[in-house]
Amino acid sequence: MEQKLAISREAFGPDGSASATCERHVIGSGMLYTWRRQALAAI
């Protein structure tokens, strides 16, 4: 779970880029947005 949060912070932070983060971590954009939605739902 911590790794997902770290990747999400990297992608959606002030200087983040979803596409660059997906390429760097070899994950699909759909997965990244799912993790973001899950993190926001937990707030």
Protein backbone atom coordinates (compact mmCIF):
# COMPACT_ATOMS: atom_id res chain seq x y z
CA MET A 1 0.00 0.00 0.00
CA GLU A 2 2.81 2.43 0.83
CA GLN A 3 4.38 1.90 -2.59
CA LYS A 4 1.07 2.71 -4.30
CA LEU A 5 0.76 5.91 -2.27
CA ALA A 6 4.33 6.93 -3.07
CA ILE A 7 3.78 6.38 -6.79
CA SER A 8 0.49 8.29 -6.64
CA ARG A 9 2.17 11.21 -4.86
CA GLU A 10 4.87 11.22 -7.51
CA ALA A 11 2.32 11.32 -10.32
CA PHE A 12 -0.17 13.78 -8.87
CA GLY A 13 2.10 16.03 -6.81
CA PRO A 14 2.84 19.65 -7.74
CA ASP A 15 5.55 18.70 -10.25
CA GLY A 16 4.06 15.32 -11.15
CA SER A 17 3.31 13.79 -14.49
CA ALA A 18 1.00 10.78 -14.70
CA SER A 19 2.37 9.61 -18.03
CA ALA A 20 6.02 9.93 -16.99
CA THR A 21 5.32 8.13 -13.72
CA CYS A 22 3.57 5.29 -15.55
CA GLU A 23 6.53 4.89 -17.88
CA ARG A 24 9.05 5.03 -15.04
CA HIS A 25 7.25 2.40 -12.96
CA VAL A 26 5.95 0.34 -15.92
CA ILE A 27 2.29 0.56 -14.91
CA GLY A 28 -0.80 1.43 -16.90
CA SER A 29 -2.51 4.76 -16.47
CA GLY A 30 -5.76 3.00 -15.55
CA MET A 31 -4.03 1.36 -12.60
CA LEU A 32 -2.57 4.67 -11.47
CA TYR A 33 -5.95 6.40 -11.54
CA THR A 34 -7.53 3.45 -9.71
CA TRP A 35 -4.94 3.82 -6.94
CA ARG A 36 -5.67 7.56 -6.75
CA ARG A 37 -9.41 6.95 -6.52
CA GLN A 38 -8.87 4.36 -3.76
CA ALA A 39 -6.61 6.72 -1.80
CA LEU A 40 -9.11 9.56 -2.05
CA ALA A 41 -11.96 7.28 -0.95
CA ALA A 42 -9.98 6.36 2.18
CA ILE A 43 -9.78 10.00 3.30
